[in-house]
Amino acid sequence: MPNEIEQTIKNVAEKIGKYIEDAATLTVQTDYLNTEGNPDFGQSRSAALTVIKLDGDCKTVVPVRQRDTGPAEIESGIFGLHQQNVSTAIEYRARILHALLEVIKQIRI
């Protein structure tokens, strides 16, 4: 019986470790799809990308429109939607990690 409990705890710890490893990077990609004709979701194209790493590194690629003169202009509609997606993903990740920590606290070794 003790061996079974130890093995179960070990399995749970391994799964938690894998999840934490996977949670170290949060990637949010917002795609767009031309809906003219017969749209195929497999043909969607990336419009914005954000990668946030647990160590604090962050990368964001934003959609822009080239102007005839002056600097490029950010496509605010798509970027706004992307920012909402990023915020939702961060909130979801925080809830999941909080729940995971609560489970870890309940494990008595």
PDB file of N, CA and C in Angstrom:
ATOM      1  N   MET A   1       0.814  -1.205   0.000  1.00  0.00           N
ATOM      2  CA  MET A   1       0.000   0.000   0.000  1.00  0.00           C
ATOM      3  C   MET A   1       0.856   1.268   0.000  1.00  0.00           C
ATOM      4  N   PRO A   2       1.892   1.367   0.884  1.00  0.00           N
ATOM      5  CA  PRO A   2       2.720   2.572   0.864  1.00  0.00           C
ATOM      6  C   PRO A   2       3.387   2.795  -0.486  1.00  0.00           C
ATOM      7  N   ASN A   3       3.790   1.703  -1.152  1.00  0.00           N
ATOM      8  CA  ASN A   3       4.414   1.842  -2.468  1.00  0.00           C
ATOM      9  C   ASN A   3       3.456   2.445  -3.484  1.00  0.00           C
ATOM     10  N   GLU A   4       2.182   2.046  -3.424  1.00  0.00           N
ATOM     11  CA  GLU A   4       1.167   2.582  -4.332  1.00  0.00           C
ATOM     12  C   GLU A   4       0.961   4.075  -4.087  1.00  0.00           C
ATOM     13  N   ILE A   5       0.906   4.469  -2.811  1.00  0.00           N
ATOM     14  CA  ILE A   5       0.730   5.885  -2.470  1.00  0.00           C
ATOM     15  C   ILE A   5       1.936   6.692  -2.927  1.00  0.00           C
ATOM     16  N   GLU A   6       3.135   6.157  -2.678  1.00  0.00           N
ATOM     17  CA  GLU A   6       4.345   6.852  -3.108  1.00  0.00           C
ATOM     18  C   GLU A   6       4.376   7.007  -4.619  1.00  0.00           C
ATOM     19  N   GLN A   7       3.978   5.957  -5.333  1.00  0.00           N
ATOM     20  CA  GLN A   7       3.978   6.012  -6.801  1.00  0.00           C
ATOM     21  C   GLN A   7       2.931   7.017  -7.300  1.00  0.00           C
ATOM     22  N   THR A   8       1.781   7.045  -6.651  1.00  0.00           N
ATOM     23  CA  THR A   8       0.740   8.011  -7.034  1.00  0.00           C
ATOM     24  C   THR A   8       1.233   9.433  -6.815  1.00  0.00           C
ATOM     25  N   ILE A   9       1.856   9.684  -5.676  1.00  0.00           N
ATOM     26  CA  ILE A   9       2.398  11.016  -5.389  1.00  0.00           C
ATOM     27  C   ILE A   9       3.470  11.378  -6.415  1.00  0.00           C
ATOM     28  N   LYS A  10       4.317  10.415  -6.751  1.00  0.00           N
ATOM     29  CA  LYS A  10       5.357  10.653  -7.748  1.00  0.00           C
ATOM     30  C   LYS A  10       4.742  10.993  -9.104  1.00  0.00           C
ATOM     31  N   ASN A  11       3.703  10.243  -9.502  1.00  0.00           N
ATOM     32  CA  ASN A  11       3.030  10.506 -10.782  1.00  0.00           C
ATOM     33  C   ASN A  11       2.396  11.890 -10.803  1.00  0.00           C
ATOM     34  N   VAL A  12       1.742  12.240  -9.703  1.00  0.00           N
ATOM     35  CA  VAL A  12       1.120  13.570  -9.609  1.00  0.00           C
ATOM     36  C   VAL A  12       2.188  14.655  -9.685  1.00  0.00           C
ATOM     37  N   ALA A  13       3.288  14.475  -8.979  1.00  0.00           N
ATOM     38  CA  ALA A  13       4.376  15.460  -8.991  1.00  0.00           C
ATOM     39  C   ALA A  13       4.959  15.621 -10.391  1.00  0.00           C
ATOM     40  N   GLU A  14       5.102  14.510 -11.114  1.00  0.00           N
ATOM     41  CA  GLU A  14       5.614  14.571 -12.484  1.00  0.00           C
ATOM     42  C   GLU A  14       4.655  15.340 -13.393  1.00  0.00           C
ATOM     43  N   LYS A  15       3.363  15.076 -13.238  1.00  0.00           N
ATOM     44  CA  LYS A  15       2.368  15.776 -14.059  1.00  0.00           C
ATOM     45  C   LYS A  15       2.343  17.262 -13.733  1.00  0.00           C
ATOM     46  N   ILE A  16       2.444  17.599 -12.461  1.00  0.00           N
ATOM     47  CA  ILE A  16       2.481  19.003 -12.051  1.00  0.00           C
ATOM     48  C   ILE A  16       3.731  19.673 -12.616  1.00  0.00           C
ATOM     49  N   GLY A  17       4.872  18.983 -12.537  1.00  0.00           N
ATOM     50  CA  GLY A  17       6.114  19.520 -13.087  1.00  0.00           C
ATOM     51  C   GLY A  17       6.004  19.769 -14.584  1.00  0.00           C
ATOM     52  N   LYS A  18       5.373  18.851 -15.306  1.00  0.00           N
ATOM     53  CA  LYS A  18       5.184  19.008 -16.753  1.00  0.00           C
ATOM     54  C   LYS A  18       4.288  20.207 -17.039  1.00  0.00           C
ATOM     55  N   TYR A  19       3.221  20.352 -16.265  1.00  0.00           N
ATOM     56  CA  TYR A  19       2.319  21.486 -16.480  1.00  0.00           C
ATOM     57  C   TYR A  19       3.050  22.799 -16.218  1.00  0.00           C
ATOM     58  N   ILE A  20       3.834  22.854 -15.155  1.00  0.00           N
ATOM     59  CA  ILE A  20       4.573  24.077 -14.841  1.00  0.00           C
ATOM     60  C   ILE A  20       5.563  24.388 -15.959  1.00  0.00           C
ATOM     61  N   GLU A  21       6.214  23.351 -16.478  1.00  0.00           N
ATOM     62  CA  GLU A  21       7.134  23.548 -17.608  1.00  0.00           C
ATOM     63  C   GLU A  21       6.379  24.117 -18.810  1.00  0.00           C
ATOM     64  N   ASP A  22       5.209  23.548 -19.098  1.00  0.00           N
ATOM     65  CA  ASP A  22       4.397  24.041 -20.216  1.00  0.00           C
ATOM     66  C   ASP A  22       3.887  25.451 -19.945  1.00  0.00           C
ATOM     67  N   ALA A  23       3.623  25.757 -18.686  1.00  0.00           N
ATOM     68  CA  ALA A  23       3.072  27.070 -18.325  1.00  0.00           C
ATOM     69  C   ALA A  23       4.133  28.163 -18.336  1.00  0.00           C
ATOM     70  N   ALA A  24       5.382  27.789 -18.506  1.00  0.00           N
ATOM     71  CA  ALA A  24       6.466  28.779 -18.473  1.00  0.00           C
ATOM     72  C   ALA A  24       6.393  29.760 -19.643  1.00  0.00           C
ATOM     73  N   THR A  25       5.712  29.384 -20.709  1.00  0.00           N
ATOM     74  CA  THR A  25       5.551  30.269 -21.857  1.00  0.00           C
ATOM     75  C   THR A  25       4.075  30.351 -22.220  1.00  0.00           C
ATOM     76  N   LEU A  26       3.586  31.578 -22.336  1.00  0.00           N
ATOM     77  CA  LEU A  26       2.206  31.824 -22.749  1.00  0.00           C
ATOM     78  C   LEU A  26       2.257  32.441 -24.137  1.00  0.00           C
ATOM     79  N   THR A  27       1.663  31.768 -25.112  1.00  0.00           N
ATOM     80  CA  THR A  27       1.645  32.259 -26.488  1.00  0.00           C
ATOM     81  C   THR A  27       0.206  32.527 -26.897  1.00  0.00           C
ATOM     82  N   VAL A  28      -0.041  33.743 -27.399  1.00  0.00           N
ATOM     83  CA  VAL A  28      -1.365  34.113 -27.896  1.00  0.00           C
ATOM     84  C   VAL A  28      -1.187  34.577 -29.336  1.00  0.00           C
ATOM     85  N   GLN A  29      -1.882  33.915 -30.237  1.00  0.00           N
ATOM     86  CA  GLN A  29      -1.829  34.284 -31.648  1.00  0.00           C
ATOM     87  C   GLN A  29      -3.240  34.590 -32.106  1.00  0.00           C
ATOM     88  N   THR A  30      -3.405  35.737 -32.759  1.00  0.00           N
ATOM     89  CA  THR A  30      -4.700  36.128 -33.310  1.00  0.00           C
ATOM     90  C   THR A  30      -4.582  36.045 -34.826  1.00  0.00           C
ATOM     91  N   ASP A  31      -5.442  35.248 -35.424  1.00  0.00           N
ATOM     92  CA  ASP A  31      -5.421  35.060 -36.869  1.00  0.00           C
ATOM     93  C   ASP A  31      -6.577  35.802 -37.523  1.00  0.00           C
ATOM     94  N   TYR A  32      -6.488  35.941 -38.831  1.00  0.00           N
ATOM     95  CA  TYR A  32      -7.602  36.474 -39.603  1.00  0.00           C
ATOM     96  C   TYR A  32      -7.872  35.541 -40.774  1.00  0.00           C
ATOM     97  N   LEU A  33      -9.079  35.628 -41.317  1.00  0.00           N
ATOM     98  CA  LEU A  33      -9.485  34.776 -42.423  1.00  0.00           C
ATOM     99  C   LEU A  33     -10.328  35.594 -43.391  1.00  0.00           C
ATOM    100  N   ASN A  34      -9.967  35.548 -44.643  1.00  0.00           N
ATOM    101  CA  ASN A  34     -10.770  36.198 -45.679  1.00  0.00           C
ATOM    102  C   ASN A  34     -12.021  35.342 -45.882  1.00  0.00           C
ATOM    103  N   THR A  35     -13.187  35.938 -45.656  1.00  0.00           N
ATOM    104  CA  THR A  35     -14.432  35.169 -45.719  1.00  0.00           C
ATOM    105  C   THR A  35     -15.117  35.241 -47.082  1.00  0.00           C
ATOM    106  N   GLU A  36     -14.457  35.825 -48.058  1.00  0.00           N
ATOM    107  CA  GLU A  36     -15.028  35.845 -49.416  1.00  0.00           C
ATOM    108  C   GLU A  36     -14.980  34.436 -50.003  1.00  0.00           C
ATOM    109  N   GLY A  37     -15.985  34.101 -50.765  1.00  0.00           N
ATOM    110  CA  GLY A  37     -16.006  32.783 -51.396  1.00  0.00           C
ATOM    111  C   GLY A  37     -16.303  31.697 -50.398  1.00  0.00           C
ATOM    112  N   ASN A  38     -15.503  30.658 -50.415  1.00  0.00           N
ATOM    113  CA  ASN A  38     -15.680  29.500 -49.543  1.00  0.00           C
ATOM    114  C   ASN A  38     -14.560  29.507 -48.503  1.00  0.00           C
ATOM    115  N   PRO A  39     -14.763  30.154 -47.346  1.00  0.00           N
ATOM    116  CA  PRO A  39     -13.674  30.265 -46.368  1.00  0.00           C
ATOM    117  C   PRO A  39     -13.255  28.908 -45.796  1.00  0.00           C
ATOM    118  N   ASP A  40     -11.951  28.747 -45.639  1.00  0.00           N
ATOM    119  CA  ASP A  40     -11.369  27.537 -45.086  1.00  0.00           C
ATOM    120  C   ASP A  40     -10.517  27.958 -43.890  1.00  0.00           C
ATOM    121  N   PHE A  41     -10.926  27.560 -42.683  1.00  0.00           N
ATOM    122  CA  PHE A  41     -10.219  27.985 -41.478  1.00  0.00           C
ATOM    123  C   PHE A  41      -8.763  27.521 -41.475  1.00  0.00           C
ATOM    124  N   GLY A  42      -8.449  26.502 -42.235  1.00  0.00           N
ATOM    125  CA  GLY A  42      -7.071  26.054 -42.348  1.00  0.00           C
ATOM    126  C   GLY A  42      -6.197  27.051 -43.094  1.00  0.00           C
ATOM    127  N   GLN A  43      -6.831  28.005 -43.756  1.00  0.00           N
ATOM    128  CA  GLN A  43      -6.097  29.018 -44.522  1.00  0.00           C
ATOM    129  C   GLN A  43      -5.970  30.343 -43.773  1.00  0.00           C
ATOM    130  N   SER A  44      -6.310  30.361 -42.480  1.00  0.00           N
ATOM    131  CA  SER A  44      -6.192  31.606 -41.710  1.00  0.00           C
ATOM    132  C   SER A  44      -4.737  32.027 -41.639  1.00  0.00           C
ATOM    133  N   ARG A  45      -4.531  33.322 -41.453  1.00  0.00           N
ATOM    134  CA  ARG A  45      -3.176  33.868 -41.391  1.00  0.00           C
ATOM    135  C   ARG A  45      -2.999  34.641 -40.095  1.00  0.00           C
ATOM    136  N   SER A  46      -1.787  34.619 -39.592  1.00  0.00           N
ATOM    137  CA  SER A  46      -1.491  35.308 -38.337  1.00  0.00           C
ATOM    138  C   SER A  46      -1.602  36.821 -38.527  1.00  0.00           C
ATOM    139  N   ALA A  47      -2.271  37.480 -37.576  1.00  0.00           N
ATOM    140  CA  ALA A  47      -2.414  38.933 -37.618  1.00  0.00           C
ATOM    141  C   ALA A  47      -1.678  39.597 -36.464  1.00  0.00           C
ATOM    142  N   ALA A  48      -1.518  38.892 -35.354  1.00  0.00           N
ATOM    143  CA  ALA A  48      -0.809  39.436 -34.189  1.00  0.00           C
ATOM    144  C   ALA A  48      -0.346  38.262 -33.334  1.00  0.00           C
ATOM    145  N   LEU A  49       0.760  38.476 -32.620  1.00  0.00           N
ATOM    146  CA  LEU A  49       1.336  37.418 -31.800  1.00  0.00           C
ATOM    147  C   LEU A  49       1.944  38.019 -30.550  1.00  0.00           C
ATOM    148  N   THR A  50       1.688  37.384 -29.414  1.00  0.00           N
ATOM    149  CA  THR A  50       2.346  37.766 -28.163  1.00  0.00           C
ATOM    150  C   THR A  50       2.865  36.501 -27.499  1.00  0.00           C
ATOM    151  N   VAL A  51       4.135  36.555 -27.047  1.00  0.00           N
ATOM    152  CA  VAL A  51       4.744  35.463 -26.311  1.00  0.00           C
ATOM    153  C   VAL A  51       5.252  36.047 -24.992  1.00  0.00           C
ATOM    154  N   ILE A  52       4.778  35.486 -23.887  1.00  0.00           N
ATOM    155  CA  ILE A  52       5.194  35.934 -22.553  1.00  0.00           C
ATOM    156  C   ILE A  52       5.835  34.749 -21.852  1.00  0.00           C
ATOM    157  N   LYS A  53       7.067  34.946 -21.379  1.00  0.00           N
ATOM    158  CA  LYS A  53       7.781  33.875 -20.689  1.00  0.00           C
ATOM    159  C   LYS A  53       7.787  34.144 -19.191  1.00  0.00           C
ATOM    160  N   LEU A  54       7.841  33.077 -18.424  1.00  0.00           N
ATOM    161  CA  LEU A  54       7.805  33.166 -16.976  1.00  0.00           C
ATOM    162  C   LEU A  54       8.943  34.015 -16.420  1.00  0.00           C
ATOM    163  N   ASP A  55      10.067  34.060 -17.133  1.00  0.00           N
ATOM    164  CA  ASP A  55      11.205  34.853 -16.659  1.00  0.00           C
ATOM    165  C   ASP A  55      11.040  36.343 -16.950  1.00  0.00           C
ATOM    166  N   GLY A  56       9.910  36.719 -17.545  1.00  0.00           N
ATOM    167  CA  GLY A  56       9.625  38.134 -17.785  1.00  0.00           C
ATOM    168  C   GLY A  56       9.864  38.588 -19.211  1.00  0.00           C
ATOM    169  N   ASP A  57      10.523  37.757 -20.030  1.00  0.00           N
ATOM    170  CA  ASP A  57      10.723  38.131 -21.425  1.00  0.00           C
ATOM    171  C   ASP A  57       9.379  38.150 -22.140  1.00  0.00           C
ATOM    172  N   CYS A  58       9.228  39.098 -23.037  1.00  0.00           N
ATOM    173  CA  CYS A  58       7.964  39.252 -23.745  1.00  0.00           C
ATOM    174  C   CYS A  58       8.237  39.696 -25.178  1.00  0.00           C
ATOM    175  N   LYS A  59       7.473  39.157 -26.104  1.00  0.00           N
ATOM    176  CA  LYS A  59       7.579  39.560 -27.502  1.00  0.00           C
ATOM    177  C   LYS A  59       6.171  39.743 -28.038  1.00  0.00           C
ATOM    178  N   THR A  60       5.941  40.859 -28.726  1.00  0.00           N
ATOM    179  CA  THR A  60       4.652  41.093 -29.363  1.00  0.00           C
ATOM    180  C   THR A  60       4.881  41.534 -30.794  1.00  0.00           C
ATOM    181  N   VAL A  61       4.160  40.912 -31.709  1.00  0.00           N
ATOM    182  CA  VAL A  61       4.180  41.305 -33.112  1.00  0.00           C
ATOM    183  C   VAL A  61       2.802  41.898 -33.395  1.00  0.00           C
ATOM    184  N   VAL A  62       2.775  43.142 -33.853  1.00  0.00           N
ATOM    185  CA  VAL A  62       1.501  43.830 -34.055  1.00  0.00           C
ATOM    186  C   VAL A  62       1.235  44.056 -35.541  1.00  0.00           C
ATOM    187  N   PRO A  63      -0.038  44.099 -35.911  1.00  0.00           N
ATOM    188  CA  PRO A  63      -0.386  44.374 -37.309  1.00  0.00           C
ATOM    189  C   PRO A  63      -0.272  45.882 -37.592  1.00  0.00           C
ATOM    190  N   VAL A  64       0.347  46.214 -38.699  1.00  0.00           N
ATOM    191  CA  VAL A  64       0.483  47.625 -39.077  1.00  0.00           C
ATOM    192  C   VAL A  64       0.064  47.824 -40.520  1.00  0.00           C
ATOM    193  N   ARG A  65      -0.248  49.062 -40.827  1.00  0.00           N
ATOM    194  CA  ARG A  65      -0.596  49.462 -42.188  1.00  0.00           C
ATOM    195  C   ARG A  65       0.433  50.505 -42.602  1.00  0.00           C
ATOM    196  N   GLN A  66       1.103  50.260 -43.721  1.00  0.00           N
ATOM    197  CA  GLN A  66       2.066  51.233 -44.230  1.00  0.00           C
ATOM    198  C   GLN A  66       1.313  52.448 -44.760  1.00  0.00           C
ATOM    199  N   ARG A  67       1.824  53.617 -44.445  1.00  0.00           N
ATOM    200  CA  ARG A  67       1.229  54.857 -44.949  1.00  0.00           C
ATOM    201  C   ARG A  67       2.156  55.430 -46.014  1.00  0.00           C
ATOM    202  N   ASP A  68       1.597  56.282 -46.853  1.00  0.00           N
ATOM    203  CA  ASP A  68       2.413  56.905 -47.905  1.00  0.00           C
ATOM    204  C   ASP A  68       3.529  57.750 -47.309  1.00  0.00           C
ATOM    205  N   THR A  69       3.221  58.444 -46.223  1.00  0.00           N
ATOM    206  CA  THR A  69       4.232  59.265 -45.563  1.00  0.00           C
ATOM    207  C   THR A  69       4.189  58.994 -44.073  1.00  0.00           C
ATOM    208  N   GLY A  70       5.300  59.106 -43.423  1.00  0.00           N
ATOM    209  CA  GLY A  70       5.358  58.924 -41.974  1.00  0.00           C
ATOM    210  C   GLY A  70       5.470  57.470 -41.582  1.00  0.00           C
ATOM    211  N   PRO A  71       5.429  57.230 -40.279  1.00  0.00           N
ATOM    212  CA  PRO A  71       5.596  55.856 -39.774  1.00  0.00           C
ATOM    213  C   PRO A  71       4.361  54.998 -40.051  1.00  0.00           C
ATOM    214  N   ALA A  72       4.545  53.685 -39.953  1.00  0.00           N
ATOM    215  CA  ALA A  72       3.427  52.754 -40.128  1.00  0.00           C
ATOM    216  C   ALA A  72       2.400  52.977 -39.017  1.00  0.00           C
ATOM    217  N   GLU A  73       1.162  52.644 -39.321  1.00  0.00           N
ATOM    218  CA  GLU A  73       0.062  52.827 -38.372  1.00  0.00           C
ATOM    219  C   GLU A  73      -0.431  51.463 -37.893  1.00  0.00           C
ATOM    220  N   ILE A  74      -0.573  51.309 -36.589  1.00  0.00           N
ATOM    221  CA  ILE A  74      -1.060  50.044 -36.023  1.00  0.00           C
ATOM    222  C   ILE A  74      -2.529  49.854 -36.401  1.00  0.00           C
ATOM    223  N   GLU A  75      -2.863  48.644 -36.846  1.00  0.00           N
ATOM    224  CA  GLU A  75      -4.255  48.285 -37.143  1.00  0.00           C
ATOM    225  C   GLU A  75      -4.980  48.126 -35.812  1.00  0.00           C
ATOM    226  N   SER A  76      -5.594  49.199 -35.351  1.00  0.00           N
ATOM    227  CA  SER A  76      -6.122  49.241 -33.989  1.00  0.00           C
ATOM    228  C   SER A  76      -7.235  48.235 -33.718  1.00  0.00           C
ATOM    229  N   GLY A  77      -8.084  47.957 -34.692  1.00  0.00           N
ATOM    230  CA  GLY A  77      -9.171  47.002 -34.471  1.00  0.00           C
ATOM    231  C   GLY A  77      -8.655  45.604 -34.184  1.00  0.00           C
ATOM    232  N   ILE A  78      -7.757  45.131 -35.023  1.00  0.00           N
ATOM    233  CA  ILE A  78      -7.191  43.795 -34.828  1.00  0.00           C
ATOM    234  C   ILE A  78      -6.338  43.768 -33.566  1.00  0.00           C
ATOM    235  N   PHE A  79      -5.555  44.823 -33.362  1.00  0.00           N
ATOM    236  CA  PHE A  79      -4.690  44.859 -32.185  1.00  0.00           C
ATOM    237  C   PHE A  79      -5.519  44.887 -30.901  1.00  0.00           C
ATOM    238  N   GLY A  80      -6.629  45.631 -30.897  1.00  0.00           N
ATOM    239  CA  GLY A  80      -7.511  45.669 -29.727  1.00  0.00           C
ATOM    240  C   GLY A  80      -8.075  44.285 -29.408  1.00  0.00           C
ATOM    241  N   LEU A  81      -8.509  43.571 -30.442  1.00  0.00           N
ATOM    242  CA  LEU A  81      -9.006  42.209 -30.250  1.00  0.00           C
ATOM    243  C   LEU A  81      -7.893  41.308 -29.715  1.00  0.00           C
ATOM    244  N   HIS A  82      -6.701  41.466 -30.258  1.00  0.00           N
ATOM    245  CA  HIS A  82      -5.564  40.670 -29.796  1.00  0.00           C
ATOM    246  C   HIS A  82      -5.276  40.954 -28.320  1.00  0.00           C
ATOM    247  N   GLN A  83      -5.290  42.219 -27.934  1.00  0.00           N
ATOM    248  CA  GLN A  83      -5.034  42.572 -26.532  1.00  0.00           C
ATOM    249  C   GLN A  83      -6.079  41.939 -25.610  1.00  0.00           C
ATOM    250  N   GLN A  84      -7.340  41.892 -26.054  1.00  0.00           N
ATOM    251  CA  GLN A  84      -8.381  41.225 -25.266  1.00  0.00           C
ATOM    252  C   GLN A  84      -8.059  39.741 -25.124  1.00  0.00           C
ATOM    253  N   ASN A  85      -7.597  39.123 -26.210  1.00  0.00           N
ATOM    254  CA  ASN A  85      -7.225  37.704 -26.168  1.00  0.00           C
ATOM    255  C   ASN A  85      -6.069  37.474 -25.199  1.00  0.00           C
ATOM    256  N   VAL A  86      -5.083  38.365 -25.210  1.00  0.00           N
ATOM    257  CA  VAL A  86      -3.940  38.250 -24.309  1.00  0.00           C
ATOM    258  C   VAL A  86      -4.398  38.378 -22.856  1.00  0.00           C
ATOM    259  N   SER A  87      -5.233  39.366 -22.574  1.00  0.00           N
ATOM    260  CA  SER A  87      -5.735  39.561 -21.206  1.00  0.00           C
ATOM    261  C   SER A  87      -6.515  38.345 -20.724  1.00  0.00           C
ATOM    262  N   THR A  88      -7.364  37.795 -21.585  1.00  0.00           N
ATOM    263  CA  THR A  88      -8.142  36.608 -21.237  1.00  0.00           C
ATOM    264  C   THR A  88      -7.218  35.424 -20.956  1.00  0.00           C
ATOM    265  N   ALA A  89      -6.195  35.244 -21.784  1.00  0.00           N
ATOM    266  CA  ALA A  89      -5.254  34.137 -21.593  1.00  0.00           C
ATOM    267  C   ALA A  89      -4.473  34.291 -20.292  1.00  0.00           C
ATOM    268  N   ILE A  90      -4.058  35.504 -19.972  1.00  0.00           N
ATOM    269  CA  ILE A  90      -3.317  35.743 -18.730  1.00  0.00           C
ATOM    270  C   ILE A  90      -4.203  35.450 -17.518  1.00  0.00           C
ATOM    271  N   GLU A  91      -5.444  35.928 -17.545  1.00  0.00           N
ATOM    272  CA  GLU A  91      -6.364  35.683 -16.435  1.00  0.00           C
ATOM    273  C   GLU A  91      -6.631  34.181 -16.265  1.00  0.00           C
ATOM    274  N   TYR A  92      -6.832  33.484 -17.377  1.00  0.00           N
ATOM    275  CA  TYR A  92      -7.090  32.045 -17.328  1.00  0.00           C
ATOM    276  C   TYR A  92      -5.876  31.316 -16.760  1.00  0.00           C
ATOM    277  N   ARG A  93      -4.690  31.671 -17.249  1.00  0.00           N
ATOM    278  CA  ARG A  93      -3.461  31.023 -16.772  1.00  0.00           C
ATOM    279  C   ARG A  93      -3.288  31.262 -15.276  1.00  0.00           C
ATOM    280  N   ALA A  94      -3.576  32.469 -14.815  1.00  0.00           N
ATOM    281  CA  ALA A  94      -3.444  32.779 -13.385  1.00  0.00           C
ATOM    282  C   ALA A  94      -4.406  31.922 -12.555  1.00  0.00           C
ATOM    283  N   ARG A  95      -5.644  31.755 -13.022  1.00  0.00           N
ATOM    284  CA  ARG A  95      -6.613  30.924 -12.287  1.00  0.00           C
ATOM    285  C   ARG A  95      -6.159  29.465 -12.235  1.00  0.00           C
ATOM    286  N   ILE A  96      -5.648  28.966 -13.351  1.00  0.00           N
ATOM    287  CA  ILE A  96      -5.197  27.576 -13.400  1.00  0.00           C
ATOM    288  C   ILE A  96      -4.007  27.366 -12.467  1.00  0.00           C
ATOM    289  N   LEU A  97      -3.036  28.287 -12.503  1.00  0.00           N
ATOM    290  CA  LEU A  97      -1.867  28.156 -11.636  1.00  0.00           C
ATOM    291  C   LEU A  97      -2.251  28.273 -10.162  1.00  0.00           C
ATOM    292  N   HIS A  98      -3.201  29.146  -9.852  1.00  0.00           N
ATOM    293  CA  HIS A  98      -3.679  29.270  -8.476  1.00  0.00           C
ATOM    294  C   HIS A  98      -4.315  27.950  -8.026  1.00  0.00           C
ATOM    295  N   ALA A  99      -5.147  27.374  -8.871  1.00  0.00           N
ATOM    296  CA  ALA A  99      -5.787  26.099  -8.527  1.00  0.00           C
ATOM    297  C   ALA A  99      -4.737  25.006  -8.361  1.00  0.00           C
ATOM    298  N   LEU A 100      -3.728  25.018  -9.216  1.00  0.00           N
ATOM    299  CA  LEU A 100      -2.657  24.037  -9.115  1.00  0.00           C
ATOM    300  C   LEU A 100      -1.899  24.181  -7.796  1.00  0.00           C
ATOM    301  N   LEU A 101      -1.630  25.396  -7.392  1.00  0.00           N
ATOM    302  CA  LEU A 101      -0.954  25.622  -6.112  1.00  0.00           C
ATOM    303  C   LEU A 101      -1.801  25.137  -4.941  1.00  0.00           C
ATOM    304  N   GLU A 102      -3.111  25.332  -5.038  1.00  0.00           N
ATOM    305  CA  GLU A 102      -3.996  24.849  -3.977  1.00  0.00           C
ATOM    306  C   GLU A 102      -3.946  23.335  -3.881  1.00  0.00           C
ATOM    307  N   VAL A 103      -3.882  22.645  -5.014  1.00  0.00           N
ATOM    308  CA  VAL A 103      -3.781  21.180  -5.009  1.00  0.00           C
ATOM    309  C   VAL A 103      -2.466  20.756  -4.374  1.00  0.00           C
ATOM    310  N   ILE A 104      -1.388  21.448  -4.743  1.00  0.00           N
ATOM    311  CA  ILE A 104      -0.077  21.108  -4.183  1.00  0.00           C
ATOM    312  C   ILE A 104      -0.078  21.274  -2.664  1.00  0.00           C
ATOM    313  N   LYS A 105      -0.733  22.322  -2.183  1.00  0.00           N
ATOM    314  CA  LYS A 105      -0.795  22.549  -0.737  1.00  0.00           C
ATOM    315  C   LYS A 105      -1.522  21.429  -0.011  1.00  0.00           C
ATOM    316  N   GLN A 106      -2.461  20.779  -0.701  1.00  0.00           N
ATOM    317  CA  GLN A 106      -3.262  19.710  -0.081  1.00  0.00           C
ATOM    318  C   GLN A 106      -2.508  18.378  -0.015  1.00  0.00           C
ATOM    319  N   ILE A 107      -1.449  18.245  -0.811  1.00  0.00           N
ATOM    320  CA  ILE A 107      -0.694  16.986  -0.823  1.00  0.00           C
ATOM    321  C   ILE A 107       0.179  16.927   0.410  1.00  0.00           C
ATOM    322  N   ARG A 108       0.010  15.921   1.186  1.00  0.00           N
ATOM    323  CA  ARG A 108       0.798  15.712   2.404  1.00  0.00           C
ATOM    324  C   ARG A 108       1.770  14.571   2.144  1.00  0.00           C
ATOM    325  N   ILE A 109       3.051  14.857   2.224  1.00  0.00           N
ATOM    326  CA  ILE A 109       4.043  13.810   1.986  1.00  0.00           C
ATOM    327  C   ILE A 109       4.573  13.309   3.306  1.00  0.00           C
TER     328      ILE A 109
END
